[in-house]
């Protein structure tokens, strides 16, 4: 059983990194999985829209930031930080780092299709 736990921890560790935002605060983030991206991009949003959508930004933070934990909706407490508490410059920097760490660099994201093409009848 311990071997499985070690493998899971090892897998998670490979997909995490630390990011220091402009204010100097350090976050531990994980890359966005394909499942998370697909869920957030439903409705045919492009990657560019996805990065700037005020509805999606808190979800990106809640999904990707491991430490400190972030809540997308509501107020933070002594154990969590609210997405709404993060300064604009820090927020955009953090979102950019999450997108970059997830393998969706800005120059590449412009080239990605905004939605999966529908098959022709």
PDB file of N, CA and C in Angstrom:
ATOM      1  N   UNK A   1       0.827  -1.192   0.000  1.00  0.00           N
ATOM      2  CA  UNK A   1       0.000   0.000   0.000  1.00  0.00           C
ATOM      3  C   UNK A   1       0.871   1.256   0.000  1.00  0.00           C
ATOM      4  N   UNK A   2       1.943   1.243   0.753  1.00  0.00           N
ATOM      5  CA  UNK A   2       2.838   2.398   0.825  1.00  0.00           C
ATOM      6  C   UNK A   2       3.443   2.732  -0.534  1.00  0.00           C
ATOM      7  N   UNK A   3       3.709   1.725  -1.333  1.00  0.00           N
ATOM      8  CA  UNK A   3       4.287   1.928  -2.657  1.00  0.00           C
ATOM      9  C   UNK A   3       3.357   2.752  -3.546  1.00  0.00           C
ATOM     10  N   UNK A   4       2.041   2.489  -3.451  1.00  0.00           N
ATOM     11  CA  UNK A   4       1.060   3.253  -4.226  1.00  0.00           C
ATOM     12  C   UNK A   4       1.036   4.705  -3.772  1.00  0.00           C
ATOM     13  N   UNK A   5       1.078   4.924  -2.487  1.00  0.00           N
ATOM     14  CA  UNK A   5       1.085   6.278  -1.938  1.00  0.00           C
ATOM     15  C   UNK A   5       2.318   7.026  -2.426  1.00  0.00           C
ATOM     16  N   UNK A   6       3.465   6.352  -2.429  1.00  0.00           N
ATOM     17  CA  UNK A   6       4.700   6.970  -2.905  1.00  0.00           C
ATOM     18  C   UNK A   6       4.588   7.348  -4.383  1.00  0.00           C
ATOM     19  N   UNK A   7       4.006   6.464  -5.184  1.00  0.00           N
ATOM     20  CA  UNK A   7       3.849   6.740  -6.615  1.00  0.00           C
ATOM     21  C   UNK A   7       2.917   7.917  -6.853  1.00  0.00           C
ATOM     22  N   UNK A   8       1.837   7.968  -6.081  1.00  0.00           N
ATOM     23  CA  UNK A   8       0.894   9.084  -6.221  1.00  0.00           C
ATOM     24  C   UNK A   8       1.581  10.391  -5.840  1.00  0.00           C
ATOM     25  N   UNK A   9       2.301  10.389  -4.743  1.00  0.00           N
ATOM     26  CA  UNK A   9       3.029  11.589  -4.311  1.00  0.00           C
ATOM     27  C   UNK A   9       4.064  12.003  -5.349  1.00  0.00           C
ATOM     28  N   UNK A  10       4.758  11.031  -5.897  1.00  0.00           N
ATOM     29  CA  UNK A  10       5.766  11.304  -6.915  1.00  0.00           C
ATOM     30  C   UNK A  10       5.122  11.915  -8.162  1.00  0.00           C
ATOM     31  N   UNK A  11       4.003  11.376  -8.573  1.00  0.00           N
ATOM     32  CA  UNK A  11       3.293  11.898  -9.741  1.00  0.00           C
ATOM     33  C   UNK A  11       2.860  13.347  -9.504  1.00  0.00           C
ATOM     34  N   UNK A  12       2.250  13.592  -8.353  1.00  0.00           N
ATOM     35  CA  UNK A  12       1.796  14.953  -8.033  1.00  0.00           C
ATOM     36  C   UNK A  12       2.971  15.924  -7.980  1.00  0.00           C
ATOM     37  N   UNK A  13       4.078  15.493  -7.409  1.00  0.00           N
ATOM     38  CA  UNK A  13       5.249  16.347  -7.282  1.00  0.00           C
ATOM     39  C   UNK A  13       5.800  16.767  -8.650  1.00  0.00           C
ATOM     40  N   UNK A  14       5.760  15.852  -9.617  1.00  0.00           N
ATOM     41  CA  UNK A  14       6.237  16.163 -10.965  1.00  0.00           C
ATOM     42  C   UNK A  14       5.401  17.260 -11.625  1.00  0.00           C
ATOM     43  N   UNK A  15       4.168  17.412 -11.179  1.00  0.00           N
ATOM     44  CA  UNK A  15       3.252  18.366 -11.797  1.00  0.00           C
ATOM     45  C   UNK A  15       3.021  19.595 -10.923  1.00  0.00           C
ATOM     46  N   UNK A  16       3.946  19.861 -10.011  1.00  0.00           N
ATOM     47  CA  UNK A  16       3.848  21.050  -9.166  1.00  0.00           C
ATOM     48  C   UNK A  16       5.140  21.846  -9.213  1.00  0.00           C
ATOM     49  N   UNK A  17       5.016  23.127  -8.917  1.00  0.00           N
ATOM     50  CA  UNK A  17       6.169  24.014  -8.838  1.00  0.00           C
ATOM     51  C   UNK A  17       5.809  25.184  -7.927  1.00  0.00           C
ATOM     52  N   UNK A  18       6.796  25.966  -7.548  1.00  0.00           N
ATOM     53  CA  UNK A  18       6.533  27.167  -6.759  1.00  0.00           C
ATOM     54  C   UNK A  18       6.695  28.393  -7.642  1.00  0.00           C
ATOM     55  N   UNK A  19       5.906  29.403  -7.338  1.00  0.00           N
ATOM     56  CA  UNK A  19       5.912  30.651  -8.092  1.00  0.00           C
ATOM     57  C   UNK A  19       5.964  31.801  -7.097  1.00  0.00           C
ATOM     58  N   UNK A  20       6.882  32.720  -7.314  1.00  0.00           N
ATOM     59  CA  UNK A  20       6.946  33.933  -6.505  1.00  0.00           C
ATOM     60  C   UNK A  20       6.324  35.053  -7.329  1.00  0.00           C
ATOM     61  N   UNK A  21       5.240  35.629  -6.815  1.00  0.00           N
ATOM     62  CA  UNK A  21       4.526  36.688  -7.531  1.00  0.00           C
ATOM     63  C   UNK A  21       5.199  38.031  -7.255  1.00  0.00           C
ATOM     64  N   UNK A  22       4.864  39.069  -8.038  1.00  0.00           N
ATOM     65  CA  UNK A  22       5.541  40.362  -7.882  1.00  0.00           C
ATOM     66  C   UNK A  22       5.568  40.920  -6.455  1.00  0.00           C
ATOM     67  N   UNK A  23       4.545  40.655  -5.662  1.00  0.00           N
ATOM     68  CA  UNK A  23       4.535  41.171  -4.287  1.00  0.00           C
ATOM     69  C   UNK A  23       5.484  40.395  -3.372  1.00  0.00           C
ATOM     70  N   UNK A  24       6.050  39.282  -3.875  1.00  0.00           N
ATOM     71  CA  UNK A  24       6.985  38.489  -3.092  1.00  0.00           C
ATOM     72  C   UNK A  24       6.373  37.265  -2.444  1.00  0.00           C
ATOM     73  N   UNK A  25       5.054  37.129  -2.502  1.00  0.00           N
ATOM     74  CA  UNK A  25       4.375  35.980  -1.920  1.00  0.00           C
ATOM     75  C   UNK A  25       4.667  34.748  -2.770  1.00  0.00           C
ATOM     76  N   UNK A  26       4.809  33.588  -2.134  1.00  0.00           N
ATOM     77  CA  UNK A  26       5.121  32.347  -2.848  1.00  0.00           C
ATOM     78  C   UNK A  26       3.910  31.421  -2.837  1.00  0.00           C
ATOM     79  N   UNK A  27       3.551  30.944  -4.019  1.00  0.00           N
ATOM     80  CA  UNK A  27       2.460  29.980  -4.178  1.00  0.00           C
ATOM     81  C   UNK A  27       3.029  28.668  -4.690  1.00  0.00           C
ATOM     82  N   UNK A  28       2.427  27.566  -4.314  1.00  0.00           N
ATOM     83  CA  UNK A  28       2.714  26.273  -4.921  1.00  0.00           C
ATOM     84  C   UNK A  28       1.551  25.985  -5.860  1.00  0.00           C
ATOM     85  N   UNK A  29       1.887  25.725  -7.126  1.00  0.00           N
ATOM     86  CA  UNK A  29       0.849  25.498  -8.123  1.00  0.00           C
ATOM     87  C   UNK A  29       1.011  24.124  -8.773  1.00  0.00           C
ATOM     88  N   UNK A  30      -0.070  23.645  -9.357  1.00  0.00           N
ATOM     89  CA  UNK A  30      -0.021  22.427 -10.171  1.00  0.00           C
ATOM     90  C   UNK A  30      -0.515  22.799 -11.565  1.00  0.00           C
ATOM     91  N   UNK A  31      -0.092  22.019 -12.549  1.00  0.00           N
ATOM     92  CA  UNK A  31      -0.533  22.282 -13.910  1.00  0.00           C
ATOM     93  C   UNK A  31      -2.005  21.934 -14.052  1.00  0.00           C
ATOM     94  N   UNK A  32      -2.670  22.629 -14.951  1.00  0.00           N
ATOM     95  CA  UNK A  32      -4.066  22.330 -15.250  1.00  0.00           C
ATOM     96  C   UNK A  32      -4.121  21.047 -16.063  1.00  0.00           C
ATOM     97  N   UNK A  33      -4.923  20.127 -15.654  1.00  0.00           N
ATOM     98  CA  UNK A  33      -5.062  18.878 -16.396  1.00  0.00           C
ATOM     99  C   UNK A  33      -5.981  19.085 -17.596  1.00  0.00           C
ATOM    100  N   UNK A  34      -5.926  18.163 -18.519  1.00  0.00           N
ATOM    101  CA  UNK A  34      -6.805  18.210 -19.680  1.00  0.00           C
ATOM    102  C   UNK A  34      -8.266  18.185 -19.232  1.00  0.00           C
ATOM    103  N   UNK A  35      -8.559  17.400 -18.217  1.00  0.00           N
ATOM    104  CA  UNK A  35      -9.932  17.323 -17.704  1.00  0.00           C
ATOM    105  C   UNK A  35     -10.373  18.696 -17.179  1.00  0.00           C
ATOM    106  N   UNK A  36      -9.523  19.349 -16.395  1.00  0.00           N
ATOM    107  CA  UNK A  36      -9.861  20.664 -15.854  1.00  0.00           C
ATOM    108  C   UNK A  36     -10.014  21.694 -16.967  1.00  0.00           C
ATOM    109  N   UNK A  37      -9.094  21.688 -17.924  1.00  0.00           N
ATOM    110  CA  UNK A  37      -9.182  22.625 -19.043  1.00  0.00           C
ATOM    111  C   UNK A  37     -10.462  22.434 -19.832  1.00  0.00           C
ATOM    112  N   UNK A  38     -10.792  21.204 -20.134  1.00  0.00           N
ATOM    113  CA  UNK A  38     -11.999  20.911 -20.908  1.00  0.00           C
ATOM    114  C   UNK A  38     -13.242  21.372 -20.158  1.00  0.00           C
ATOM    115  N   UNK A  39     -13.277  21.117 -18.875  1.00  0.00           N
ATOM    116  CA  UNK A  39     -14.422  21.530 -18.064  1.00  0.00           C
ATOM    117  C   UNK A  39     -14.565  23.053 -18.065  1.00  0.00           C
ATOM    118  N   UNK A  40     -13.466  23.761 -17.930  1.00  0.00           N
ATOM    119  CA  UNK A  40     -13.511  25.218 -17.857  1.00  0.00           C
ATOM    120  C   UNK A  40     -13.763  25.876 -19.207  1.00  0.00           C
ATOM    121  N   UNK A  41     -13.385  25.207 -20.282  1.00  0.00           N
ATOM    122  CA  UNK A  41     -13.504  25.813 -21.608  1.00  0.00           C
ATOM    123  C   UNK A  41     -14.789  25.430 -22.326  1.00  0.00           C
ATOM    124  N   UNK A  42     -15.703  24.768 -21.647  1.00  0.00           N
ATOM    125  CA  UNK A  42     -16.946  24.381 -22.310  1.00  0.00           C
ATOM    126  C   UNK A  42     -17.659  25.625 -22.828  1.00  0.00           C
ATOM    127  N   UNK A  43     -18.427  25.446 -23.857  1.00  0.00           N
ATOM    128  CA  UNK A  43     -19.094  26.588 -24.473  1.00  0.00           C
ATOM    129  C   UNK A  43     -18.266  27.186 -25.590  1.00  0.00           C
ATOM    130  N   UNK A  44     -17.181  26.518 -25.968  1.00  0.00           N
ATOM    131  CA  UNK A  44     -16.388  26.959 -27.103  1.00  0.00           C
ATOM    132  C   UNK A  44     -15.481  28.143 -26.834  1.00  0.00           C
ATOM    133  N   UNK A  45     -15.135  28.394 -25.580  1.00  0.00           N
ATOM    134  CA  UNK A  45     -14.207  29.482 -25.272  1.00  0.00           C
ATOM    135  C   UNK A  45     -12.839  29.178 -25.860  1.00  0.00           C
ATOM    136  N   UNK A  46     -12.172  30.210 -26.343  1.00  0.00           N
ATOM    137  CA  UNK A  46     -10.799  30.039 -26.801  1.00  0.00           C
ATOM    138  C   UNK A  46      -9.878  30.123 -25.584  1.00  0.00           C
ATOM    139  N   UNK A  47      -8.634  29.733 -25.770  1.00  0.00           N
ATOM    140  CA  UNK A  47      -7.657  29.822 -24.679  1.00  0.00           C
ATOM    141  C   UNK A  47      -7.493  31.280 -24.247  1.00  0.00           C
ATOM    142  N   UNK A  48      -7.473  32.203 -25.203  1.00  0.00           N
ATOM    143  CA  UNK A  48      -7.312  33.625 -24.875  1.00  0.00           C
ATOM    144  C   UNK A  48      -8.487  34.098 -24.020  1.00  0.00           C
ATOM    145  N   UNK A  49      -9.719  33.732 -24.413  1.00  0.00           N
ATOM    146  CA  UNK A  49     -10.893  34.103 -23.621  1.00  0.00           C
ATOM    147  C   UNK A  49     -10.825  33.477 -22.235  1.00  0.00           C
ATOM    148  N   UNK A  50     -10.408  32.229 -22.204  1.00  0.00           N
ATOM    149  CA  UNK A  50     -10.304  31.457 -20.979  1.00  0.00           C
ATOM    150  C   UNK A  50      -9.395  32.160 -19.970  1.00  0.00           C
ATOM    151  N   UNK A  51      -8.274  32.724 -20.439  1.00  0.00           N
ATOM    152  CA  UNK A  51      -7.314  33.382 -19.555  1.00  0.00           C
ATOM    153  C   UNK A  51      -7.831  34.690 -18.991  1.00  0.00           C
ATOM    154  N   UNK A  52      -8.794  35.332 -19.653  1.00  0.00           N
ATOM    155  CA  UNK A  52      -9.237  36.642 -19.200  1.00  0.00           C
ATOM    156  C   UNK A  52     -10.692  36.666 -18.737  1.00  0.00           C
ATOM    157  N   UNK A  53     -11.364  35.532 -18.733  1.00  0.00           N
ATOM    158  CA  UNK A  53     -12.761  35.451 -18.341  1.00  0.00           C
ATOM    159  C   UNK A  53     -12.890  35.583 -16.821  1.00  0.00           C
ATOM    160  N   UNK A  54     -13.603  36.617 -16.349  1.00  0.00           N
ATOM    161  CA  UNK A  54     -13.728  36.807 -14.902  1.00  0.00           C
ATOM    162  C   UNK A  54     -14.461  35.658 -14.207  1.00  0.00           C
ATOM    163  N   UNK A  55     -15.220  34.888 -14.948  1.00  0.00           N
ATOM    164  CA  UNK A  55     -15.898  33.726 -14.375  1.00  0.00           C
ATOM    165  C   UNK A  55     -14.931  32.557 -14.215  1.00  0.00           C
ATOM    166  N   UNK A  56     -13.955  32.466 -15.114  1.00  0.00           N
ATOM    167  CA  UNK A  56     -13.041  31.326 -15.138  1.00  0.00           C
ATOM    168  C   UNK A  56     -11.819  31.535 -14.250  1.00  0.00           C
ATOM    169  N   UNK A  57     -11.340  32.752 -14.131  1.00  0.00           N
ATOM    170  CA  UNK A  57     -10.117  33.022 -13.369  1.00  0.00           C
ATOM    171  C   UNK A  57     -10.148  32.434 -11.955  1.00  0.00           C
ATOM    172  N   UNK A  58     -11.218  32.649 -11.176  1.00  0.00           N
ATOM    173  CA  UNK A  58     -11.230  32.050  -9.835  1.00  0.00           C
ATOM    174  C   UNK A  58     -11.156  30.520  -9.867  1.00  0.00           C
ATOM    175  N   UNK A  59     -11.773  29.912 -10.885  1.00  0.00           N
ATOM    176  CA  UNK A  59     -11.719  28.446 -10.999  1.00  0.00           C
ATOM    177  C   UNK A  59     -10.316  27.964 -11.308  1.00  0.00           C
ATOM    178  N   UNK A  60      -9.601  28.715 -12.148  1.00  0.00           N
ATOM    179  CA  UNK A  60      -8.213  28.368 -12.454  1.00  0.00           C
ATOM    180  C   UNK A  60      -7.406  28.381 -11.161  1.00  0.00           C
ATOM    181  N   UNK A  61      -7.570  29.435 -10.376  1.00  0.00           N
ATOM    182  CA  UNK A  61      -6.825  29.553  -9.123  1.00  0.00           C
ATOM    183  C   UNK A  61      -7.184  28.440  -8.141  1.00  0.00           C
ATOM    184  N   UNK A  62      -8.479  28.192  -7.978  1.00  0.00           N
ATOM    185  CA  UNK A  62      -8.913  27.168  -7.028  1.00  0.00           C
ATOM    186  C   UNK A  62      -8.415  25.784  -7.435  1.00  0.00           C
ATOM    187  N   UNK A  63      -8.381  25.521  -8.744  1.00  0.00           N
ATOM    188  CA  UNK A  63      -7.949  24.223  -9.254  1.00  0.00           C
ATOM    189  C   UNK A  63      -6.439  24.058  -9.206  1.00  0.00           C
ATOM    190  N   UNK A  64      -5.697  25.120  -9.504  1.00  0.00           N
ATOM    191  CA  UNK A  64      -4.253  25.001  -9.699  1.00  0.00           C
ATOM    192  C   UNK A  64      -3.393  25.378  -8.501  1.00  0.00           C
ATOM    193  N   UNK A  65      -3.874  26.228  -7.631  1.00  0.00           N
ATOM    194  CA  UNK A  65      -3.041  26.655  -6.502  1.00  0.00           C
ATOM    195  C   UNK A  65      -3.226  25.679  -5.343  1.00  0.00           C
ATOM    196  N   UNK A  66      -2.128  25.076  -4.945  1.00  0.00           N
ATOM    197  CA  UNK A  66      -2.148  24.092  -3.864  1.00  0.00           C
ATOM    198  C   UNK A  66      -1.912  24.759  -2.513  1.00  0.00           C
ATOM    199  N   UNK A  67      -0.957  25.693  -2.492  1.00  0.00           N
ATOM    200  CA  UNK A  67      -0.594  26.323  -1.229  1.00  0.00           C
ATOM    201  C   UNK A  67      -0.298  27.795  -1.439  1.00  0.00           C
ATOM    202  N   UNK A  68      -0.990  28.674  -0.751  1.00  0.00           N
ATOM    203  CA  UNK A  68      -2.085  28.377   0.155  1.00  0.00           C
ATOM    204  C   UNK A  68      -3.344  28.028  -0.638  1.00  0.00           C
ATOM    205  N   UNK A  69      -4.232  27.218  -0.079  1.00  0.00           N
ATOM    206  CA  UNK A  69      -5.463  26.898  -0.797  1.00  0.00           C
ATOM    207  C   UNK A  69      -6.255  28.176  -1.091  1.00  0.00           C
ATOM    208  N   UNK A  70      -6.852  28.209  -2.279  1.00  0.00           N
ATOM    209  CA  UNK A  70      -7.639  29.372  -2.695  1.00  0.00           C
ATOM    210  C   UNK A  70      -9.086  28.953  -2.890  1.00  0.00           C
ATOM    211  N   UNK A  71     -10.001  29.770  -2.384  1.00  0.00           N
ATOM    212  CA  UNK A  71     -11.424  29.548  -2.636  1.00  0.00           C
ATOM    213  C   UNK A  71     -11.848  30.501  -3.747  1.00  0.00           C
ATOM    214  N   UNK A  72     -12.581  29.958  -4.727  1.00  0.00           N
ATOM    215  CA  UNK A  72     -13.012  30.754  -5.876  1.00  0.00           C
ATOM    216  C   UNK A  72     -14.117  31.732  -5.493  1.00  0.00           C
ATOM    217  N   UNK A  73     -14.997  31.302  -4.617  1.00  0.00           N
ATOM    218  CA  UNK A  73     -16.149  32.121  -4.228  1.00  0.00           C
ATOM    219  C   UNK A  73     -16.155  32.282  -2.716  1.00  0.00           C
ATOM    220  N   UNK A  74     -16.471  33.469  -2.285  1.00  0.00           N
ATOM    221  CA  UNK A  74     -16.563  33.714  -0.850  1.00  0.00           C
ATOM    222  C   UNK A  74     -15.304  34.337  -0.288  1.00  0.00           C
ATOM    223  N   UNK A  75     -15.265  34.385   1.024  1.00  0.00           N
ATOM    224  CA  UNK A  75     -14.149  35.003   1.724  1.00  0.00           C
ATOM    225  C   UNK A  75     -13.150  33.961   2.177  1.00  0.00           C
ATOM    226  N   UNK A  76     -11.892  34.364   2.211  1.00  0.00           N
ATOM    227  CA  UNK A  76     -10.862  33.506   2.767  1.00  0.00           C
ATOM    228  C   UNK A  76     -10.941  33.520   4.283  1.00  0.00           C
ATOM    229  N   UNK A  77     -10.215  32.632   4.890  1.00  0.00           N
ATOM    230  CA  UNK A  77     -10.134  32.593   6.347  1.00  0.00           C
ATOM    231  C   UNK A  77      -8.682  32.369   6.738  1.00  0.00           C
ATOM    232  N   UNK A  78      -8.426  31.905   7.954  1.00  0.00           N
ATOM    233  CA  UNK A  78      -7.038  31.717   8.383  1.00  0.00           C
ATOM    234  C   UNK A  78      -6.334  30.582   7.646  1.00  0.00           C
ATOM    235  N   UNK A  79      -7.083  29.708   6.952  1.00  0.00           N
ATOM    236  CA  UNK A  79      -6.472  28.585   6.243  1.00  0.00           C
ATOM    237  C   UNK A  79      -6.543  28.719   4.723  1.00  0.00           C
ATOM    238  N   UNK A  80      -7.367  29.640   4.226  1.00  0.00           N
ATOM    239  CA  UNK A  80      -7.536  29.806   2.778  1.00  0.00           C
ATOM    240  C   UNK A  80      -7.465  31.274   2.392  1.00  0.00           C
ATOM    241  N   UNK A  81      -7.161  31.494   1.132  1.00  0.00           N
ATOM    242  CA  UNK A  81      -7.112  32.827   0.559  1.00  0.00           C
ATOM    243  C   UNK A  81      -8.221  32.901  -0.480  1.00  0.00           C
ATOM    244  N   UNK A  82      -8.972  33.969  -0.492  1.00  0.00           N
ATOM    245  CA  UNK A  82     -10.018  34.148  -1.495  1.00  0.00           C
ATOM    246  C   UNK A  82      -9.392  34.666  -2.786  1.00  0.00           C
ATOM    247  N   UNK A  83      -9.902  34.212  -3.918  1.00  0.00           N
ATOM    248  CA  UNK A  83      -9.425  34.702  -5.218  1.00  0.00           C
ATOM    249  C   UNK A  83      -9.583  36.216  -5.297  1.00  0.00           C
ATOM    250  N   UNK A  84     -10.602  36.740  -4.650  1.00  0.00           N
ATOM    251  CA  UNK A  84     -10.881  38.179  -4.691  1.00  0.00           C
ATOM    252  C   UNK A  84      -9.888  39.002  -3.872  1.00  0.00           C
ATOM    253  N   UNK A  85      -9.119  38.373  -3.018  1.00  0.00           N
ATOM    254  CA  UNK A  85      -8.139  39.078  -2.188  1.00  0.00           C
ATOM    255  C   UNK A  85      -6.822  39.336  -2.913  1.00  0.00           C
ATOM    256  N   UNK A  86      -6.612  38.670  -4.030  1.00  0.00           N
ATOM    257  CA  UNK A  86      -5.325  38.760  -4.718  1.00  0.00           C
ATOM    258  C   UNK A  86      -5.285  40.003  -5.601  1.00  0.00           C
ATOM    259  N   UNK A  87      -4.251  40.806  -5.412  1.00  0.00           N
ATOM    260  CA  UNK A  87      -4.036  42.036  -6.174  1.00  0.00           C
ATOM    261  C   UNK A  87      -4.019  41.748  -7.674  1.00  0.00           C
ATOM    262  N   UNK A  88      -4.511  42.688  -8.470  1.00  0.00           N
ATOM    263  CA  UNK A  88      -4.635  42.528  -9.925  1.00  0.00           C
ATOM    264  C   UNK A  88      -3.327  42.113 -10.587  1.00  0.00           C
ATOM    265  N   UNK A  89      -2.226  42.788 -10.288  1.00  0.00           N
ATOM    266  CA  UNK A  89      -0.945  42.454 -10.919  1.00  0.00           C
ATOM    267  C   UNK A  89      -0.468  41.055 -10.498  1.00  0.00           C
ATOM    268  N   UNK A  90      -0.637  40.741  -9.223  1.00  0.00           N
ATOM    269  CA  UNK A  90      -0.268  39.413  -8.731  1.00  0.00           C
ATOM    270  C   UNK A  90      -1.147  38.344  -9.377  1.00  0.00           C
ATOM    271  N   UNK A  91      -2.423  38.637  -9.493  1.00  0.00           N
ATOM    272  CA  UNK A  91      -3.371  37.685 -10.082  1.00  0.00           C
ATOM    273  C   UNK A  91      -3.005  37.361 -11.527  1.00  0.00           C
ATOM    274  N   UNK A  92      -2.771  38.383 -12.336  1.00  0.00           N
ATOM    275  CA  UNK A  92      -2.458  38.151 -13.746  1.00  0.00           C
ATOM    276  C   UNK A  92      -1.123  37.430 -13.899  1.00  0.00           C
ATOM    277  N   UNK A  93      -0.149  37.764 -13.067  1.00  0.00           N
ATOM    278  CA  UNK A  93       1.140  37.090 -13.086  1.00  0.00           C
ATOM    279  C   UNK A  93       0.956  35.607 -12.749  1.00  0.00           C
ATOM    280  N   UNK A  94       0.185  35.332 -11.701  1.00  0.00           N
ATOM    281  CA  UNK A  94      -0.051  33.960 -11.263  1.00  0.00           C
ATOM    282  C   UNK A  94      -0.797  33.160 -12.333  1.00  0.00           C
ATOM    283  N   UNK A  95      -1.812  33.744 -12.935  1.00  0.00           N
ATOM    284  CA  UNK A  95      -2.559  33.070 -14.010  1.00  0.00           C
ATOM    285  C   UNK A  95      -1.622  32.759 -15.169  1.00  0.00           C
ATOM    286  N   UNK A  96      -0.795  33.730 -15.564  1.00  0.00           N
ATOM    287  CA  UNK A  96       0.159  33.505 -16.657  1.00  0.00           C
ATOM    288  C   UNK A  96       1.106  32.346 -16.331  1.00  0.00           C
ATOM    289  N   UNK A  97       1.591  32.281 -15.093  1.00  0.00           N
ATOM    290  CA  UNK A  97       2.499  31.202 -14.689  1.00  0.00           C
ATOM    291  C   UNK A  97       1.792  29.848 -14.702  1.00  0.00           C
ATOM    292  N   UNK A  98       0.533  29.817 -14.286  1.00  0.00           N
ATOM    293  CA  UNK A  98      -0.233  28.565 -14.312  1.00  0.00           C
ATOM    294  C   UNK A  98      -0.417  28.100 -15.753  1.00  0.00           C
ATOM    295  N   UNK A  99      -0.786  29.012 -16.639  1.00  0.00           N
ATOM    296  CA  UNK A  99      -0.994  28.679 -18.053  1.00  0.00           C
ATOM    297  C   UNK A  99       0.320  28.201 -18.669  1.00  0.00           C
ATOM    298  N   UNK A 100       1.396  28.905 -18.373  1.00  0.00           N
ATOM    299  CA  UNK A 100       2.717  28.520 -18.898  1.00  0.00           C
ATOM    300  C   UNK A 100       3.136  27.147 -18.372  1.00  0.00           C
ATOM    301  N   UNK A 101       2.983  26.923 -17.065  1.00  0.00           N
ATOM    302  CA  UNK A 101       3.370  25.648 -16.463  1.00  0.00           C
ATOM    303  C   UNK A 101       2.506  24.494 -16.984  1.00  0.00           C
ATOM    304  N   UNK A 102       1.294  24.818 -17.400  1.00  0.00           N
ATOM    305  CA  UNK A 102       0.386  23.810 -17.947  1.00  0.00           C
ATOM    306  C   UNK A 102       0.686  23.490 -19.404  1.00  0.00           C
ATOM    307  N   UNK A 103       1.682  24.174 -19.977  1.00  0.00           N
ATOM    308  CA  UNK A 103       2.059  23.899 -21.356  1.00  0.00           C
ATOM    309  C   UNK A 103       1.284  24.695 -22.375  1.00  0.00           C
ATOM    310  N   UNK A 104       0.618  25.747 -21.933  1.00  0.00           N
ATOM    311  CA  UNK A 104      -0.152  26.590 -22.836  1.00  0.00           C
ATOM    312  C   UNK A 104       0.454  27.985 -22.865  1.00  0.00           C
ATOM    313  N   UNK A 105       1.607  28.094 -23.501  1.00  0.00           N
ATOM    314  CA  UNK A 105       2.280  29.386 -23.564  1.00  0.00           C
ATOM    315  C   UNK A 105       1.444  30.343 -24.408  1.00  0.00           C
ATOM    316  N   UNK A 106       1.480  31.639 -24.090  1.00  0.00           N
ATOM    317  CA  UNK A 106       0.647  32.608 -24.815  1.00  0.00           C
ATOM    318  C   UNK A 106       0.783  32.552 -26.330  1.00  0.00           C
ATOM    319  N   UNK A 107       2.000  32.452 -26.853  1.00  0.00           N
ATOM    320  CA  UNK A 107       2.159  32.427 -28.310  1.00  0.00           C
ATOM    321  C   UNK A 107       1.547  31.165 -28.915  1.00  0.00           C
ATOM    322  N   UNK A 108       1.554  30.061 -28.162  1.00  0.00           N
ATOM    323  CA  UNK A 108       0.947  28.824 -28.649  1.00  0.00           C
ATOM    324  C   UNK A 108      -0.561  28.863 -28.500  1.00  0.00           C
ATOM    325  N   UNK A 109      -1.047  29.511 -27.441  1.00  0.00           N
ATOM    326  CA  UNK A 109      -2.476  29.494 -27.172  1.00  0.00           C
ATOM    327  C   UNK A 109      -3.260  30.219 -28.251  1.00  0.00           C
ATOM    328  N   UNK A 110      -2.657  31.212 -28.893  1.00  0.00           N
ATOM    329  CA  UNK A 110      -3.346  31.941 -29.956  1.00  0.00           C
ATOM    330  C   UNK A 110      -3.626  31.030 -31.144  1.00  0.00           C
ATOM    331  N   UNK A 111      -2.779  30.003 -31.313  1.00  0.00           N
ATOM    332  CA  UNK A 111      -2.920  29.129 -32.462  1.00  0.00           C
ATOM    333  C   UNK A 111      -3.865  27.963 -32.208  1.00  0.00           C
ATOM    334  N   UNK A 112      -4.232  27.725 -30.960  1.00  0.00           N
ATOM    335  CA  UNK A 112      -5.105  26.602 -30.664  1.00  0.00           C
ATOM    336  C   UNK A 112      -6.519  26.910 -31.130  1.00  0.00           C
ATOM    337  N   UNK A 113      -7.236  25.923 -31.649  1.00  0.00           N
ATOM    338  CA  UNK A 113      -8.612  26.173 -32.074  1.00  0.00           C
ATOM    339  C   UNK A 113      -9.475  26.527 -30.886  1.00  0.00           C
ATOM    340  N   UNK A 114     -10.446  27.395 -31.119  1.00  0.00           N
ATOM    341  CA  UNK A 114     -11.300  27.825 -30.011  1.00  0.00           C
ATOM    342  C   UNK A 114     -12.279  26.740 -29.600  1.00  0.00           C
ATOM    343  N   UNK A 115     -12.527  25.813 -30.499  1.00  0.00           N
ATOM    344  CA  UNK A 115     -13.370  24.676 -30.130  1.00  0.00           C
ATOM    345  C   UNK A 115     -13.082  23.517 -31.062  1.00  0.00           C
ATOM    346  N   UNK A 116     -13.503  22.360 -30.676  1.00  0.00           N
ATOM    347  CA  UNK A 116     -13.270  21.174 -31.471  1.00  0.00           C
ATOM    348  C   UNK A 116     -14.149  21.261 -32.721  1.00  0.00           C
ATOM    349  N   UNK A 117     -13.562  21.098 -33.926  1.00  0.00           N
ATOM    350  CA  UNK A 117     -14.373  21.203 -35.133  1.00  0.00           C
ATOM    351  C   UNK A 117     -15.462  20.128 -35.161  1.00  0.00           C
ATOM    352  N   UNK A 118     -16.627  20.534 -35.647  1.00  0.00           N
ATOM    353  CA  UNK A 118     -17.725  19.590 -35.770  1.00  0.00           C
ATOM    354  C   UNK A 118     -17.564  18.807 -37.054  1.00  0.00           C
ATOM    355  N   UNK A 119     -17.934  17.572 -37.016  1.00  0.00           N
ATOM    356  CA  UNK A 119     -17.813  16.756 -38.236  1.00  0.00           C
ATOM    357  C   UNK A 119     -18.884  17.198 -39.241  1.00  0.00           C
ATOM    358  N   UNK A 120     -18.509  17.157 -40.486  1.00  0.00           N
ATOM    359  CA  UNK A 120     -19.441  17.559 -41.536  1.00  0.00           C
ATOM    360  C   UNK A 120     -20.401  16.432 -41.817  1.00  0.00           C
ATOM    361  N   UNK A 121     -21.615  16.797 -42.171  1.00  0.00           N
ATOM    362  CA  UNK A 121     -22.628  15.783 -42.460  1.00  0.00           C
ATOM    363  C   UNK A 121     -22.551  15.327 -43.882  1.00  0.00           C
TER     364      UNK A 121
END
